[in-house]
N, C-alpha and C. Protein backbone atom coordinates (compact mmCIF):
# COMPACT_ATOMS: atom_id res chain seq x y z
N UNK A 1 121.46 110.74 83.51
CA UNK A 1 121.95 110.16 84.75
C UNK A 1 121.55 108.70 84.91
N UNK A 2 121.28 108.01 83.79
CA UNK A 2 120.93 106.59 83.85
C UNK A 2 122.10 105.82 84.43
N UNK A 3 121.81 105.03 85.46
CA UNK A 3 122.87 104.26 86.10
C UNK A 3 122.80 102.79 85.75
N UNK A 4 121.79 102.35 85.02
CA UNK A 4 121.71 100.97 84.59
C UNK A 4 120.28 100.52 84.36
N UNK A 5 120.15 99.32 83.85
CA UNK A 5 118.83 98.73 83.64
C UNK A 5 118.22 98.34 84.98
N UNK A 6 116.95 98.51 85.11
CA UNK A 6 116.22 98.11 86.31
C UNK A 6 115.70 96.70 86.08
N UNK A 7 116.07 95.77 86.94
CA UNK A 7 115.73 94.36 86.72
C UNK A 7 114.95 93.74 87.87
N UNK A 8 114.51 94.55 88.85
CA UNK A 8 113.95 94.01 90.08
C UNK A 8 112.46 93.76 90.07
N UNK A 9 111.74 94.20 89.06
CA UNK A 9 110.30 94.02 89.09
C UNK A 9 109.62 94.63 87.90
N UNK A 10 108.35 94.97 88.10
CA UNK A 10 107.53 95.45 86.99
C UNK A 10 107.65 96.95 86.75
N UNK A 11 108.24 97.69 87.70
CA UNK A 11 108.33 99.14 87.56
C UNK A 11 107.08 99.86 87.99
N UNK A 12 106.15 99.15 88.64
CA UNK A 12 104.91 99.76 89.13
C UNK A 12 105.12 100.16 90.59
N UNK A 13 104.72 101.37 90.93
CA UNK A 13 104.89 101.86 92.29
C UNK A 13 103.96 101.12 93.24
N UNK A 14 104.52 100.57 94.32
CA UNK A 14 103.70 99.91 95.33
C UNK A 14 103.11 100.94 96.29
N UNK A 15 103.94 101.90 96.71
CA UNK A 15 103.50 102.99 97.58
C UNK A 15 104.17 104.26 97.10
N UNK A 16 103.61 104.86 96.08
CA UNK A 16 104.19 106.06 95.51
C UNK A 16 103.39 106.50 94.31
N UNK A 17 104.08 107.08 93.34
CA UNK A 17 103.42 107.62 92.17
C UNK A 17 104.10 107.17 90.88
N UNK A 18 103.30 107.14 89.83
CA UNK A 18 103.80 106.93 88.49
C UNK A 18 103.48 108.23 87.74
N UNK A 19 104.53 108.91 87.26
CA UNK A 19 104.37 110.22 86.65
C UNK A 19 104.72 110.14 85.17
N UNK A 20 103.74 110.41 84.31
CA UNK A 20 103.94 110.37 82.86
C UNK A 20 104.38 111.75 82.38
N UNK A 21 105.41 111.76 81.53
CA UNK A 21 105.94 113.00 80.98
C UNK A 21 105.71 112.98 79.48
N UNK A 22 105.05 114.01 78.98
CA UNK A 22 104.79 114.10 77.55
C UNK A 22 106.07 114.36 76.76
N UNK A 23 106.22 113.66 75.65
CA UNK A 23 107.40 113.80 74.80
C UNK A 23 106.90 114.11 73.39
N UNK A 24 107.34 115.22 72.82
CA UNK A 24 106.86 115.63 71.50
C UNK A 24 107.62 114.92 70.38
N UNK A 25 108.93 115.00 70.38
CA UNK A 25 109.74 114.45 69.28
C UNK A 25 110.48 113.18 69.64
N UNK A 26 110.30 112.69 70.80
CA UNK A 26 111.06 111.53 71.25
C UNK A 26 112.21 112.00 72.12
N UNK A 27 112.61 111.14 72.99
CA UNK A 27 113.70 111.47 73.91
C UNK A 27 114.83 110.48 73.71
N UNK A 28 116.04 110.99 73.64
CA UNK A 28 117.21 110.15 73.42
C UNK A 28 117.69 109.62 74.77
N UNK A 29 117.74 108.31 74.88
CA UNK A 29 118.22 107.64 76.08
C UNK A 29 119.55 107.00 75.71
N UNK A 30 120.61 107.42 76.38
CA UNK A 30 121.93 106.92 75.97
C UNK A 30 122.89 106.88 77.16
N UNK A 31 123.57 105.76 77.29
CA UNK A 31 124.73 105.64 78.18
C UNK A 31 125.66 104.62 77.55
N UNK A 32 126.61 104.10 78.30
CA UNK A 32 127.59 103.19 77.71
C UNK A 32 126.99 101.88 77.22
N UNK A 33 125.84 101.47 77.76
CA UNK A 33 125.25 100.19 77.39
C UNK A 33 123.96 100.31 76.58
N UNK A 34 123.34 101.48 76.56
CA UNK A 34 122.01 101.63 75.98
C UNK A 34 121.96 102.83 75.05
N UNK A 35 121.35 102.63 73.89
CA UNK A 35 121.06 103.73 72.96
C UNK A 35 119.66 103.49 72.42
N UNK A 36 118.70 104.30 72.87
CA UNK A 36 117.30 104.15 72.47
C UNK A 36 116.69 105.52 72.23
N UNK A 37 115.62 105.55 71.44
CA UNK A 37 114.82 106.74 71.26
C UNK A 37 113.44 106.43 71.81
N UNK A 38 113.04 107.13 72.85
CA UNK A 38 111.77 106.86 73.51
C UNK A 38 110.66 107.75 73.02
N UNK A 39 109.46 107.19 72.92
CA UNK A 39 108.29 107.96 72.51
C UNK A 39 107.44 108.36 73.70
N UNK A 40 107.68 107.74 74.85
CA UNK A 40 106.93 108.04 76.07
C UNK A 40 107.83 107.74 77.26
N UNK A 41 107.77 108.60 78.27
CA UNK A 41 108.61 108.43 79.46
C UNK A 41 107.72 108.50 80.70
N UNK A 42 107.91 107.55 81.60
CA UNK A 42 107.16 107.50 82.85
C UNK A 42 108.17 107.32 83.98
N UNK A 43 108.02 108.13 85.03
CA UNK A 43 108.89 108.03 86.19
C UNK A 43 108.13 107.37 87.33
N UNK A 44 108.76 106.44 88.01
CA UNK A 44 108.19 105.78 89.19
C UNK A 44 108.87 106.41 90.40
N UNK A 45 108.06 107.03 91.27
CA UNK A 45 108.60 107.76 92.41
C UNK A 45 108.05 107.12 93.69
N UNK A 46 108.96 106.56 94.49
CA UNK A 46 108.60 105.97 95.77
C UNK A 46 109.54 106.49 96.84
N UNK A 47 109.09 106.45 98.07
CA UNK A 47 109.91 106.89 99.19
C UNK A 47 111.09 105.94 99.39
N UNK A 48 112.25 106.50 99.63
CA UNK A 48 113.47 105.75 99.94
C UNK A 48 113.88 104.75 98.86
N UNK A 49 113.51 105.00 97.62
CA UNK A 49 113.89 104.13 96.52
C UNK A 49 114.61 104.96 95.46
N UNK A 50 115.49 104.33 94.71
CA UNK A 50 116.10 105.01 93.57
C UNK A 50 115.01 105.31 92.55
N UNK A 51 115.25 106.34 91.75
CA UNK A 51 114.31 106.67 90.70
C UNK A 51 114.32 105.60 89.62
N UNK A 52 113.14 105.31 89.10
CA UNK A 52 113.00 104.35 88.00
C UNK A 52 112.34 105.09 86.85
N UNK A 53 112.89 104.93 85.68
CA UNK A 53 112.35 105.56 84.48
C UNK A 53 111.93 104.45 83.52
N UNK A 54 110.66 104.49 83.10
CA UNK A 54 110.14 103.54 82.13
C UNK A 54 110.06 104.27 80.80
N UNK A 55 110.67 103.71 79.77
CA UNK A 55 110.70 104.33 78.46
C UNK A 55 110.05 103.39 77.45
N UNK A 56 109.11 103.93 76.67
CA UNK A 56 108.48 103.16 75.61
C UNK A 56 109.07 103.60 74.28
N UNK A 57 109.47 102.64 73.46
CA UNK A 57 109.92 102.94 72.10
C UNK A 57 108.71 103.00 71.19
N UNK A 58 108.92 103.42 69.96
CA UNK A 58 107.83 103.53 68.99
C UNK A 58 107.13 102.20 68.75
N UNK A 59 107.83 101.10 68.89
CA UNK A 59 107.22 99.77 68.70
C UNK A 59 106.51 99.30 69.97
N UNK A 60 106.33 100.20 70.94
CA UNK A 60 105.71 99.91 72.23
C UNK A 60 106.50 98.92 73.08
N UNK A 61 107.78 98.76 72.78
CA UNK A 61 108.64 98.00 73.68
C UNK A 61 108.96 98.90 74.86
N UNK A 62 109.02 98.33 76.05
CA UNK A 62 109.33 99.15 77.22
C UNK A 62 110.64 98.71 77.85
N UNK A 63 111.32 99.69 78.38
CA UNK A 63 112.60 99.48 79.07
C UNK A 63 112.53 100.21 80.40
N UNK A 64 113.12 99.62 81.41
CA UNK A 64 113.17 100.21 82.74
C UNK A 64 114.63 100.55 83.06
N UNK A 65 114.85 101.76 83.56
CA UNK A 65 116.19 102.21 83.91
C UNK A 65 116.20 102.79 85.30
N UNK A 66 117.29 102.56 86.04
CA UNK A 66 117.53 103.29 87.27
C UNK A 66 118.27 104.56 86.90
N UNK A 67 118.04 105.63 87.65
CA UNK A 67 118.78 106.85 87.40
C UNK A 67 119.14 107.51 88.72
N UNK A 68 120.12 108.38 88.67
CA UNK A 68 120.69 108.93 89.90
C UNK A 68 120.31 110.38 90.18
N UNK A 69 119.47 111.01 89.37
CA UNK A 69 119.08 112.39 89.64
C UNK A 69 118.32 112.50 90.95
N UNK A 70 118.44 113.64 91.59
CA UNK A 70 117.80 113.90 92.87
C UNK A 70 116.30 114.13 92.66
N UNK A 71 115.48 113.35 93.35
CA UNK A 71 114.02 113.47 93.22
C UNK A 71 113.39 114.11 94.45
N UNK A 72 114.18 114.75 95.31
CA UNK A 72 113.65 115.28 96.56
C UNK A 72 112.56 116.32 96.35
N UNK A 73 112.68 117.19 95.34
CA UNK A 73 111.64 118.18 95.09
C UNK A 73 110.35 117.53 94.59
N UNK A 74 110.48 116.52 93.75
CA UNK A 74 109.31 115.79 93.25
C UNK A 74 108.63 115.05 94.40
N UNK A 75 109.44 114.38 95.22
CA UNK A 75 108.87 113.66 96.37
C UNK A 75 108.16 114.61 97.33
N UNK A 76 108.73 115.77 97.55
CA UNK A 76 108.11 116.77 98.43
C UNK A 76 106.78 117.24 97.86
N UNK A 77 106.75 117.54 96.56
CA UNK A 77 105.52 118.01 95.91
C UNK A 77 104.42 116.94 95.95
N UNK A 78 104.81 115.67 95.83
CA UNK A 78 103.85 114.57 95.82
C UNK A 78 103.57 114.03 97.23
N UNK A 79 104.30 114.56 98.22
CA UNK A 79 104.21 114.11 99.60
C UNK A 79 104.50 112.62 99.73
N UNK A 80 105.56 112.20 99.07
CA UNK A 80 106.00 110.79 99.14
C UNK A 80 107.18 110.71 100.07
């Protein structure tokens, strides 16, 4: 559900959480503009903000993406 590159800042939560997700074999990130294989995925979860996904490639390059999946259950669990 990647909706585009995130270009507004550092991807660090000002008032929220940064959630790291373990990836065993790498995760394929793909849409019409991007094709990457990520070795680490981190989600930035803030109140009233679109979801931001930070992906690290094997060369430790990082990319930030906006995505459109519903984060309401995650926000509820984290009380954000």
